[in-house]
Amino acid sequence: MTTPQLRRPAPPSNFTSSEHVGEVCLVVNGGYHPRVSTKEFGVKPAGRVTVVLLTGPRADNVYEDVMLFGGQSSQFRDWGPGEVGAARIVQKGKSVIWGEPSPYDEDMATRWMVANGPRLDQLRADIVRVFREKAVELDAAMPAPTGPTQPQWTNPEARPGDQPLPGMGVRDSLRRESQPADPDETGY
C-alpha cells in the first residue's frame, strides 16, 4: 500500500504588508507605474514587485505581482527592473514601511539568493515581463490627463536690486517692505 501524498494549499494571492510586520523579505522589483487607476483612491502611482518571505510562519512563500501604493511604492521608485533587495517590514506609527535590513537579515537574504539562484532568476524575469505587459495595458486604459495646461499662478518677477529678507523669498520680502512697519508688532 502506498502512502498518499498530502498537498499544502497555495498561499493567498493577496499580499498585505500589515500582516507581515517584523518579517524579513526579498523584494524583486518589476517596475514603477506613475499612474494607476483605483476604484477607492483614484489615480495613484504604484510599484509592481514580487515578495519572498524569509521569516515568519509563511517563510519561503512567494507573492508575485504585488502592487504597492502610497509611501510603499515610492520606496522602490528608483530601483531598476529586476533589482533585488532585502527589507524588514516595520510598523511606523499607523503606516507600514519596508525598513532597512540588519546585517543578519542581509546575510539571510544572500544565503537564500545563493541557494535559490535559478528560482530567483525566474522570479526576476517573470515580474519584469508582467510589469511591461501591464504597463502597456495601463497606458492604453488611462485617459489623458485633464486640467489646466498653464500654471494657475506665477511668482512675481524679481526686479533689479530686490533682495529677500533673511528667511523669506523675494515675493514675501516685497510685500513686507511695502507695508508700513507697526512698532507694536515689531517691538522696536
N, C-alpha and C. Protein backbone atom coordinates (compact mmCIF):
# COMPACT_ATOMS: atom_id res chain seq x y z
N MET A 1 0.85 -1.18 0.00
CA MET A 1 0.00 0.00 0.00
C MET A 1 0.89 1.24 0.00
N THR A 2 0.59 2.16 -0.88
CA THR A 2 1.37 3.39 -0.96
C THR A 2 0.78 4.44 -0.03
N THR A 3 1.66 5.28 0.45
CA THR A 3 1.23 6.36 1.33
C THR A 3 0.76 7.53 0.47
N PRO A 4 -0.44 8.03 0.73
CA PRO A 4 -0.92 9.16 -0.08
C PRO A 4 -0.10 10.42 0.22
N GLN A 5 0.07 11.21 -0.80
CA GLN A 5 0.79 12.47 -0.68
C GLN A 5 -0.20 13.56 -0.28
N LEU A 6 0.15 14.27 0.77
CA LEU A 6 -0.68 15.39 1.18
C LEU A 6 -0.17 16.66 0.52
N ARG A 7 -1.07 17.44 0.06
CA ARG A 7 -0.70 18.72 -0.56
C ARG A 7 -1.00 19.85 0.40
N ARG A 8 -0.23 20.91 0.27
CA ARG A 8 -0.48 22.12 1.05
C ARG A 8 -1.21 23.12 0.18
N PRO A 9 -2.11 23.88 0.79
CA PRO A 9 -2.79 24.90 -0.02
C PRO A 9 -1.80 25.99 -0.43
N ALA A 10 -2.06 26.56 -1.56
CA ALA A 10 -1.23 27.67 -2.03
C ALA A 10 -1.43 28.85 -1.11
N PRO A 11 -0.39 29.69 -0.96
CA PRO A 11 -0.58 30.88 -0.12
C PRO A 11 -1.60 31.81 -0.75
N PRO A 12 -2.24 32.62 0.07
CA PRO A 12 -3.22 33.56 -0.51
C PRO A 12 -2.55 34.45 -1.54
N SER A 13 -3.29 34.79 -2.58
CA SER A 13 -2.70 35.56 -3.66
C SER A 13 -2.51 37.03 -3.29
N ASN A 14 -3.23 37.48 -2.29
CA ASN A 14 -3.10 38.89 -1.89
C ASN A 14 -2.04 39.02 -0.81
N PHE A 15 -1.15 39.97 -1.01
CA PHE A 15 -0.12 40.26 -0.02
C PHE A 15 -0.49 41.57 0.65
N THR A 16 -0.58 41.55 1.95
CA THR A 16 -0.84 42.77 2.72
C THR A 16 0.31 42.93 3.68
N SER A 17 1.08 43.99 3.51
CA SER A 17 2.29 44.16 4.32
C SER A 17 1.98 44.24 5.81
N SER A 18 0.82 44.76 6.18
CA SER A 18 0.48 44.87 7.60
C SER A 18 0.33 43.50 8.27
N GLU A 19 0.11 42.44 7.50
CA GLU A 19 0.02 41.09 8.06
C GLU A 19 1.40 40.49 8.32
N HIS A 20 2.45 41.17 7.86
CA HIS A 20 3.80 40.60 7.96
C HIS A 20 4.78 41.53 8.68
N VAL A 21 4.27 42.37 9.57
CA VAL A 21 5.13 43.30 10.31
C VAL A 21 6.16 42.49 11.10
N GLY A 22 7.42 42.91 11.00
CA GLY A 22 8.51 42.25 11.70
C GLY A 22 9.22 41.18 10.88
N GLU A 23 8.66 40.81 9.76
CA GLU A 23 9.25 39.76 8.94
C GLU A 23 10.25 40.33 7.94
N VAL A 24 11.21 39.49 7.58
CA VAL A 24 12.24 39.85 6.60
C VAL A 24 11.83 39.25 5.26
N CYS A 25 12.08 40.01 4.20
CA CYS A 25 11.70 39.52 2.88
C CYS A 25 12.68 40.00 1.82
N LEU A 26 12.65 39.33 0.71
CA LEU A 26 13.32 39.79 -0.50
C LEU A 26 12.27 40.50 -1.33
N VAL A 27 12.66 41.60 -1.94
CA VAL A 27 11.77 42.33 -2.83
C VAL A 27 12.41 42.34 -4.21
N VAL A 28 11.70 41.81 -5.19
CA VAL A 28 12.17 41.80 -6.57
C VAL A 28 11.35 42.85 -7.31
N ASN A 29 12.01 43.89 -7.77
CA ASN A 29 11.31 44.99 -8.42
C ASN A 29 10.96 44.66 -9.86
N GLY A 30 9.70 44.92 -10.19
CA GLY A 30 9.28 44.79 -11.58
C GLY A 30 9.36 46.12 -12.28
N GLY A 31 8.88 47.16 -11.60
CA GLY A 31 8.89 48.50 -12.16
C GLY A 31 7.94 49.41 -11.42
N TYR A 32 7.88 50.65 -11.86
CA TYR A 32 7.09 51.69 -11.20
C TYR A 32 6.12 52.29 -12.21
N HIS A 33 4.82 52.17 -11.91
CA HIS A 33 3.79 52.77 -12.76
C HIS A 33 3.46 54.16 -12.20
N PRO A 34 3.67 55.23 -12.95
CA PRO A 34 3.38 56.56 -12.42
C PRO A 34 1.88 56.83 -12.25
N ARG A 35 1.02 56.13 -13.00
CA ARG A 35 -0.42 56.38 -12.91
C ARG A 35 -1.18 55.07 -13.02
N VAL A 36 -1.83 54.70 -11.90
CA VAL A 36 -2.69 53.51 -11.88
C VAL A 36 -4.04 53.96 -11.35
N SER A 37 -5.09 53.60 -12.05
CA SER A 37 -6.44 53.98 -11.63
C SER A 37 -6.98 52.93 -10.65
N THR A 38 -7.42 53.40 -9.47
CA THR A 38 -8.01 52.50 -8.48
C THR A 38 -9.44 52.95 -8.20
N LYS A 39 -10.28 52.00 -7.82
CA LYS A 39 -11.68 52.33 -7.54
C LYS A 39 -11.81 53.19 -6.29
N GLU A 40 -11.00 52.88 -5.27
CA GLU A 40 -11.15 53.57 -4.00
C GLU A 40 -10.42 54.92 -3.93
N PHE A 41 -9.24 55.01 -4.55
CA PHE A 41 -8.41 56.18 -4.34
C PHE A 41 -8.11 56.98 -5.61
N GLY A 42 -8.72 56.65 -6.72
CA GLY A 42 -8.48 57.38 -7.95
C GLY A 42 -7.15 56.99 -8.58
N VAL A 43 -6.50 57.94 -9.23
CA VAL A 43 -5.26 57.67 -9.94
C VAL A 43 -4.08 57.92 -9.00
N LYS A 44 -3.25 56.89 -8.84
CA LYS A 44 -2.11 56.94 -7.92
C LYS A 44 -0.91 56.26 -8.57
N PRO A 45 0.30 56.60 -8.16
CA PRO A 45 1.47 55.84 -8.60
C PRO A 45 1.53 54.51 -7.84
N ALA A 46 2.15 53.51 -8.46
CA ALA A 46 2.25 52.20 -7.83
C ALA A 46 3.50 51.47 -8.31
N GLY A 47 4.07 50.71 -7.42
CA GLY A 47 5.18 49.83 -7.76
C GLY A 47 4.67 48.42 -7.92
N ARG A 48 5.31 47.66 -8.78
CA ARG A 48 4.92 46.27 -9.01
C ARG A 48 6.13 45.41 -8.64
N VAL A 49 5.96 44.53 -7.64
CA VAL A 49 7.07 43.74 -7.12
C VAL A 49 6.66 42.30 -6.89
N THR A 50 7.66 41.47 -6.66
CA THR A 50 7.46 40.12 -6.14
C THR A 50 8.08 40.11 -4.76
N VAL A 51 7.40 39.51 -3.79
CA VAL A 51 7.88 39.45 -2.41
C VAL A 51 8.12 38.00 -2.03
N VAL A 52 9.31 37.72 -1.50
CA VAL A 52 9.65 36.39 -1.00
C VAL A 52 9.85 36.55 0.51
N LEU A 53 8.98 35.92 1.29
CA LEU A 53 9.12 35.99 2.74
C LEU A 53 10.26 35.07 3.18
N LEU A 54 11.13 35.59 4.03
CA LEU A 54 12.27 34.81 4.52
C LEU A 54 12.11 34.37 5.96
N THR A 55 11.23 35.01 6.71
CA THR A 55 10.99 34.66 8.10
C THR A 55 9.50 34.58 8.36
N GLY A 56 9.16 34.13 9.55
CA GLY A 56 7.76 34.08 9.95
C GLY A 56 7.11 32.76 9.59
N PRO A 57 5.85 32.61 9.93
CA PRO A 57 5.15 31.34 9.68
C PRO A 57 4.97 31.01 8.20
N ARG A 58 5.07 32.00 7.35
CA ARG A 58 4.92 31.75 5.90
C ARG A 58 6.25 31.90 5.17
N ALA A 59 7.36 31.64 5.88
CA ALA A 59 8.69 31.75 5.27
C ALA A 59 8.77 30.91 4.01
N ASP A 60 9.41 31.45 3.00
CA ASP A 60 9.62 30.84 1.69
C ASP A 60 8.40 30.96 0.78
N ASN A 61 7.33 31.59 1.24
CA ASN A 61 6.20 31.85 0.35
C ASN A 61 6.58 32.99 -0.59
N VAL A 62 6.13 32.86 -1.83
CA VAL A 62 6.40 33.88 -2.84
C VAL A 62 5.07 34.51 -3.23
N TYR A 63 5.03 35.82 -3.18
CA TYR A 63 3.86 36.59 -3.60
C TYR A 63 4.25 37.34 -4.86
N GLU A 64 3.68 36.91 -5.97
CA GLU A 64 4.03 37.51 -7.26
C GLU A 64 3.04 38.61 -7.62
N ASP A 65 3.54 39.58 -8.39
CA ASP A 65 2.72 40.66 -8.91
C ASP A 65 1.99 41.42 -7.81
N VAL A 66 2.74 41.87 -6.81
CA VAL A 66 2.18 42.64 -5.71
C VAL A 66 2.25 44.12 -6.09
N MET A 67 1.14 44.82 -5.93
CA MET A 67 1.09 46.25 -6.20
C MET A 67 1.27 47.00 -4.89
N LEU A 68 2.21 47.94 -4.87
CA LEU A 68 2.46 48.77 -3.70
C LEU A 68 2.04 50.19 -4.02
N PHE A 69 1.25 50.78 -3.13
CA PHE A 69 0.77 52.15 -3.34
C PHE A 69 1.30 53.06 -2.25
N GLY A 70 1.13 54.35 -2.44
CA GLY A 70 1.49 55.34 -1.43
C GLY A 70 2.97 55.36 -1.14
N GLY A 71 3.29 55.53 0.13
CA GLY A 71 4.68 55.61 0.56
C GLY A 71 5.46 54.36 0.26
N GLN A 72 4.78 53.20 0.27
CA GLN A 72 5.48 51.96 -0.04
C GLN A 72 5.98 51.94 -1.48
N SER A 73 5.18 52.46 -2.40
CA SER A 73 5.62 52.45 -3.80
C SER A 73 6.80 53.38 -4.01
N SER A 74 6.82 54.51 -3.31
CA SER A 74 7.91 55.46 -3.51
C SER A 74 9.24 54.93 -2.99
N GLN A 75 9.20 53.95 -2.09
CA GLN A 75 10.44 53.38 -1.58
C GLN A 75 11.20 52.60 -2.66
N PHE A 76 10.51 52.18 -3.71
CA PHE A 76 11.13 51.38 -4.76
C PHE A 76 11.15 52.08 -6.11
N ARG A 77 10.78 53.35 -6.13
CA ARG A 77 10.68 54.10 -7.39
C ARG A 77 11.99 54.16 -8.15
N ASP A 78 13.11 54.29 -7.46
CA ASP A 78 14.40 54.45 -8.12
C ASP A 78 15.09 53.13 -8.44
N TRP A 79 14.49 52.02 -8.09
CA TRP A 79 15.08 50.72 -8.39
C TRP A 79 14.87 50.40 -9.86
N GLY A 80 15.84 49.73 -10.46
CA GLY A 80 15.69 49.28 -11.83
C GLY A 80 14.89 48.00 -11.91
N PRO A 81 14.33 47.69 -13.08
CA PRO A 81 13.60 46.44 -13.24
C PRO A 81 14.50 45.23 -12.95
N GLY A 82 14.00 44.31 -12.14
CA GLY A 82 14.73 43.10 -11.81
C GLY A 82 15.68 43.25 -10.63
N GLU A 83 15.83 44.46 -10.10
CA GLU A 83 16.72 44.62 -8.94
C GLU A 83 16.10 43.95 -7.72
N VAL A 84 16.97 43.40 -6.87
CA VAL A 84 16.53 42.66 -5.70
C VAL A 84 17.12 43.31 -4.45
N GLY A 85 16.31 43.39 -3.41
CA GLY A 85 16.78 43.93 -2.15
C GLY A 85 16.13 43.20 -0.99
N ALA A 86 16.74 43.34 0.16
CA ALA A 86 16.18 42.77 1.38
C ALA A 86 15.54 43.89 2.18
N ALA A 87 14.50 43.57 2.92
CA ALA A 87 13.82 44.56 3.74
C ALA A 87 13.19 43.87 4.94
N ARG A 88 13.02 44.63 5.99
CA ARG A 88 12.25 44.17 7.15
C ARG A 88 10.99 45.03 7.18
N ILE A 89 9.84 44.40 7.22
CA ILE A 89 8.58 45.13 7.23
C ILE A 89 8.34 45.63 8.65
N VAL A 90 8.20 46.94 8.80
CA VAL A 90 8.07 47.55 10.13
C VAL A 90 6.87 48.47 10.21
N GLN A 91 6.33 48.58 11.41
CA GLN A 91 5.23 49.50 11.70
C GLN A 91 5.83 50.82 12.13
N LYS A 92 5.44 51.90 11.49
CA LYS A 92 5.93 53.24 11.85
C LYS A 92 4.71 54.12 12.03
N GLY A 93 4.31 54.28 13.29
CA GLY A 93 3.06 54.98 13.55
C GLY A 93 1.91 54.14 13.04
N LYS A 94 1.06 54.74 12.22
CA LYS A 94 -0.05 53.99 11.61
C LYS A 94 0.36 53.34 10.30
N SER A 95 1.51 53.73 9.79
CA SER A 95 1.97 53.23 8.48
C SER A 95 2.82 51.98 8.63
N VAL A 96 2.84 51.21 7.58
CA VAL A 96 3.72 50.05 7.48
C VAL A 96 4.70 50.36 6.36
N ILE A 97 6.00 50.25 6.66
CA ILE A 97 7.01 50.57 5.65
C ILE A 97 7.98 49.40 5.51
N TRP A 98 8.79 49.48 4.48
CA TRP A 98 9.83 48.49 4.23
C TRP A 98 11.11 49.07 4.81
N GLY A 99 11.51 48.58 5.97
CA GLY A 99 12.63 49.13 6.69
C GLY A 99 13.96 48.55 6.28
N GLU A 100 15.02 49.19 6.76
CA GLU A 100 16.39 48.74 6.50
C GLU A 100 16.61 47.36 7.13
N PRO A 101 17.21 46.46 6.40
CA PRO A 101 17.51 45.15 6.99
C PRO A 101 18.76 45.25 7.88
N SER A 102 18.81 44.41 8.89
CA SER A 102 20.01 44.34 9.72
C SER A 102 21.07 43.54 8.97
N PRO A 103 22.32 43.55 9.42
CA PRO A 103 23.34 42.71 8.78
C PRO A 103 22.94 41.23 8.78
N TYR A 104 22.30 40.78 9.85
CA TYR A 104 21.84 39.38 9.89
C TYR A 104 20.78 39.14 8.82
N ASP A 105 19.84 40.10 8.66
CA ASP A 105 18.81 39.99 7.64
C ASP A 105 19.43 39.91 6.24
N GLU A 106 20.44 40.76 5.99
CA GLU A 106 21.10 40.76 4.68
C GLU A 106 21.82 39.44 4.43
N ASP A 107 22.44 38.89 5.48
CA ASP A 107 23.12 37.61 5.35
C ASP A 107 22.12 36.51 5.02
N MET A 108 20.98 36.50 5.70
CA MET A 108 19.94 35.51 5.44
C MET A 108 19.44 35.64 4.00
N ALA A 109 19.23 36.87 3.55
CA ALA A 109 18.74 37.09 2.18
C ALA A 109 19.77 36.63 1.16
N THR A 110 21.04 36.92 1.42
CA THR A 110 22.10 36.50 0.50
C THR A 110 22.17 34.98 0.41
N ARG A 111 22.05 34.31 1.56
CA ARG A 111 22.08 32.84 1.56
C ARG A 111 20.90 32.28 0.78
N TRP A 112 19.72 32.88 0.91
CA TRP A 112 18.56 32.41 0.15
C TRP A 112 18.80 32.59 -1.34
N MET A 113 19.36 33.74 -1.72
CA MET A 113 19.61 34.02 -3.13
C MET A 113 20.60 33.02 -3.73
N VAL A 114 21.65 32.68 -2.99
CA VAL A 114 22.65 31.72 -3.47
C VAL A 114 22.02 30.33 -3.60
N ALA A 115 21.24 29.93 -2.60
CA ALA A 115 20.63 28.59 -2.61
C ALA A 115 19.52 28.47 -3.65
N ASN A 116 18.94 29.58 -4.05
CA ASN A 116 17.79 29.55 -4.97
C ASN A 116 18.04 30.37 -6.23
N GLY A 117 19.26 30.33 -6.74
CA GLY A 117 19.64 31.13 -7.90
C GLY A 117 18.71 31.01 -9.10
N PRO A 118 18.47 29.77 -9.60
CA PRO A 118 17.58 29.64 -10.77
C PRO A 118 16.15 30.12 -10.48
N ARG A 119 15.68 29.85 -9.28
CA ARG A 119 14.33 30.30 -8.90
C ARG A 119 14.27 31.83 -8.88
N LEU A 120 15.29 32.46 -8.33
CA LEU A 120 15.35 33.92 -8.29
C LEU A 120 15.41 34.51 -9.69
N ASP A 121 16.21 33.91 -10.56
CA ASP A 121 16.29 34.38 -11.95
C ASP A 121 14.92 34.32 -12.62
N GLN A 122 14.17 33.25 -12.34
CA GLN A 122 12.83 33.12 -12.94
C GLN A 122 11.88 34.17 -12.36
N LEU A 123 11.96 34.40 -11.04
CA LEU A 123 11.11 35.43 -10.43
C LEU A 123 11.41 36.80 -11.02
N ARG A 124 12.69 37.10 -11.23
CA ARG A 124 13.07 38.39 -11.84
C ARG A 124 12.47 38.51 -13.23
N ALA A 125 12.69 37.49 -14.05
CA ALA A 125 12.19 37.54 -15.43
C ALA A 125 10.67 37.68 -15.45
N ASP A 126 9.99 36.95 -14.58
CA ASP A 126 8.52 36.99 -14.56
C ASP A 126 7.98 38.35 -14.17
N ILE A 127 8.52 38.95 -13.11
CA ILE A 127 7.95 40.23 -12.65
C ILE A 127 8.25 41.35 -13.63
N VAL A 128 9.41 41.32 -14.27
CA VAL A 128 9.72 42.36 -15.26
C VAL A 128 8.82 42.19 -16.48
N ARG A 129 8.59 40.95 -16.90
CA ARG A 129 7.69 40.69 -18.04
C ARG A 129 6.28 41.16 -17.72
N VAL A 130 5.78 40.80 -16.52
CA VAL A 130 4.43 41.20 -16.12
C VAL A 130 4.33 42.72 -16.05
N PHE A 131 5.36 43.38 -15.48
CA PHE A 131 5.34 44.84 -15.40
C PHE A 131 5.20 45.44 -16.79
N ARG A 132 6.00 44.96 -17.73
CA ARG A 132 5.96 45.53 -19.10
C ARG A 132 4.62 45.30 -19.77
N GLU A 133 4.05 44.10 -19.58
CA GLU A 133 2.74 43.81 -20.17
C GLU A 133 1.67 44.72 -19.56
N LYS A 134 1.69 44.84 -18.23
CA LYS A 134 0.68 45.66 -17.55
C LYS A 134 0.87 47.14 -17.85
N ALA A 135 2.12 47.58 -18.05
CA ALA A 135 2.36 48.98 -18.38
C ALA A 135 1.69 49.35 -19.69
N VAL A 136 1.75 48.45 -20.66
CA VAL A 136 1.09 48.70 -21.95
C VAL A 136 -0.43 48.77 -21.74
N GLU A 137 -0.97 47.83 -20.96
CA GLU A 137 -2.41 47.83 -20.69
C GLU A 137 -2.84 49.09 -19.95
N LEU A 138 -2.06 49.47 -18.93
CA LEU A 138 -2.42 50.66 -18.15
C LEU A 138 -2.36 51.93 -18.99
N ASP A 139 -1.34 52.04 -19.83
CA ASP A 139 -1.22 53.21 -20.69
C ASP A 139 -2.39 53.30 -21.66
N ALA A 140 -2.82 52.15 -22.20
CA ALA A 140 -3.93 52.15 -23.14
C ALA A 140 -5.25 52.48 -22.45
N ALA A 141 -5.42 52.05 -21.20
CA ALA A 141 -6.67 52.26 -20.49
C ALA A 141 -6.75 53.62 -19.80
N MET A 142 -5.61 54.26 -19.59
CA MET A 142 -5.58 55.51 -18.83
C MET A 142 -5.94 56.68 -19.75
N PRO A 143 -6.96 57.46 -19.37
CA PRO A 143 -7.29 58.64 -20.18
C PRO A 143 -6.19 59.68 -20.05
N ALA A 144 -6.11 60.53 -21.04
CA ALA A 144 -5.12 61.61 -20.99
C ALA A 144 -5.43 62.53 -19.82
N PRO A 145 -4.41 63.07 -19.18
CA PRO A 145 -4.68 63.97 -18.05
C PRO A 145 -5.47 65.18 -18.50
N THR A 146 -6.39 65.61 -17.65
CA THR A 146 -7.18 66.80 -17.96
C THR A 146 -6.84 67.88 -16.95
N GLY A 147 -7.20 69.06 -17.27
CA GLY A 147 -6.94 70.16 -16.36
C GLY A 147 -6.22 71.27 -17.08
N PRO A 148 -5.85 72.29 -16.35
CA PRO A 148 -5.22 73.43 -16.98
C PRO A 148 -3.87 73.06 -17.57
N THR A 149 -3.58 73.64 -18.71
CA THR A 149 -2.28 73.39 -19.34
C THR A 149 -1.27 74.44 -18.95
N GLN A 150 -1.73 75.52 -18.31
CA GLN A 150 -0.82 76.56 -17.87
C GLN A 150 -0.95 76.69 -16.36
N PRO A 151 0.08 77.17 -15.70
CA PRO A 151 0.01 77.34 -14.25
C PRO A 151 -1.12 78.29 -13.87
N GLN A 152 -1.71 78.04 -12.71
CA GLN A 152 -2.79 78.88 -12.22
C GLN A 152 -2.28 80.19 -11.65
N TRP A 153 -1.02 80.25 -11.26
CA TRP A 153 -0.42 81.46 -10.72
C TRP A 153 1.06 81.44 -11.02
N THR A 154 1.64 82.60 -10.97
CA THR A 154 3.08 82.69 -11.18
C THR A 154 3.68 83.56 -10.09
N ASN A 155 4.94 83.36 -9.81
CA ASN A 155 5.64 84.22 -8.87
C ASN A 155 5.96 85.53 -9.57
N PRO A 156 5.91 86.65 -8.85
CA PRO A 156 6.28 87.91 -9.48
C PRO A 156 7.77 87.86 -9.83
N GLU A 157 8.08 88.49 -10.94
CA GLU A 157 9.48 88.54 -11.36
C GLU A 157 10.27 89.42 -10.41
N ALA A 158 11.48 88.99 -10.11
CA ALA A 158 12.36 89.82 -9.27
C ALA A 158 12.82 91.01 -10.09
N ARG A 159 12.88 92.14 -9.44
CA ARG A 159 13.36 93.35 -10.10
C ARG A 159 14.81 93.57 -9.72
N PRO A 160 15.58 94.24 -10.56
CA PRO A 160 16.96 94.53 -10.20
C PRO A 160 17.03 95.25 -8.85
N GLY A 161 17.89 94.78 -8.00
CA GLY A 161 18.07 95.40 -6.69
C GLY A 161 17.21 94.79 -5.60
N ASP A 162 16.22 93.93 -5.97
CA ASP A 162 15.41 93.29 -4.94
C ASP A 162 16.27 92.30 -4.16
N GLN A 163 16.21 92.36 -2.88
CA GLN A 163 16.93 91.42 -2.02
C GLN A 163 15.93 90.84 -1.03
N PRO A 164 15.86 89.54 -0.94
CA PRO A 164 14.93 88.97 0.03
C PRO A 164 15.43 89.21 1.45
N LEU A 165 14.49 89.38 2.35
CA LEU A 165 14.84 89.47 3.76
C LEU A 165 15.30 88.09 4.22
N PRO A 166 16.10 87.99 5.24
CA PRO A 166 16.56 86.67 5.70
C PRO A 166 15.38 85.76 6.02
N GLY A 167 15.42 84.55 5.49
CA GLY A 167 14.37 83.57 5.73
C GLY A 167 13.13 83.74 4.88
N MET A 168 13.15 84.65 3.90
CA MET A 168 11.98 84.89 3.06
C MET A 168 12.38 84.87 1.60
N GLY A 169 11.42 84.54 0.77
CA GLY A 169 11.64 84.63 -0.66
C GLY A 169 11.44 86.07 -1.12
N VAL A 170 11.72 86.35 -2.37
CA VAL A 170 11.59 87.70 -2.91
C VAL A 170 10.15 88.17 -2.79
N ARG A 171 9.19 87.32 -3.08
CA ARG A 171 7.78 87.72 -3.06
C ARG A 171 7.38 88.19 -1.66
N ASP A 172 7.74 87.44 -0.61
CA ASP A 172 7.39 87.83 0.75
C ASP A 172 8.09 89.11 1.15
N SER A 173 9.35 89.25 0.76
CA SER A 173 10.09 90.44 1.18
C SER A 173 9.53 91.68 0.51
N LEU A 174 9.06 91.57 -0.74
CA LEU A 174 8.47 92.72 -1.41
C LEU A 174 7.20 93.15 -0.70
N ARG A 175 6.40 92.19 -0.31
CA ARG A 175 5.15 92.50 0.39
C ARG A 175 5.46 93.16 1.73
N ARG A 176 6.40 92.63 2.45
CA ARG A 176 6.74 93.16 3.76
C ARG A 176 7.32 94.57 3.67
N GLU A 177 8.17 94.82 2.65
CA GLU A 177 8.79 96.13 2.53
C GLU A 177 7.77 97.20 2.14
N SER A 178 6.70 96.80 1.44
CA SER A 178 5.72 97.78 1.00
C SER A 178 4.72 98.11 2.10
N GLN A 179 4.68 97.31 3.17
CA GLN A 179 3.76 97.58 4.27
C GLN A 179 4.47 98.44 5.32
N PRO A 180 3.78 99.42 5.84
CA PRO A 180 4.41 100.24 6.89
C PRO A 180 4.62 99.39 8.14
N ALA A 181 5.73 99.59 8.78
CA ALA A 181 6.03 98.84 9.99
C ALA A 181 5.24 99.39 11.15
N ASP A 182 4.62 98.53 11.90
CA ASP A 182 3.88 98.89 13.09
C ASP A 182 4.80 98.65 14.28
N PRO A 183 5.18 99.68 15.03
CA PRO A 183 6.09 99.49 16.14
C PRO A 183 5.58 98.49 17.17
N ASP A 184 4.24 98.39 17.33
CA ASP A 184 3.72 97.43 18.30
C ASP A 184 3.97 95.98 17.86
N GLU A 185 3.95 95.72 16.54
CA GLU A 185 4.16 94.37 16.04
C GLU A 185 5.63 93.99 16.04
N THR A 186 6.48 94.91 15.68
CA THR A 186 7.90 94.58 15.55
C THR A 186 8.63 94.66 16.87
N GLY A 187 8.11 95.40 17.83
CA GLY A 187 8.77 95.52 19.12
C GLY A 187 9.87 96.57 19.14
N TYR A 188 9.99 97.39 18.07
CA TYR A 188 11.03 98.42 18.04
C TYR A 188 10.50 99.72 18.56
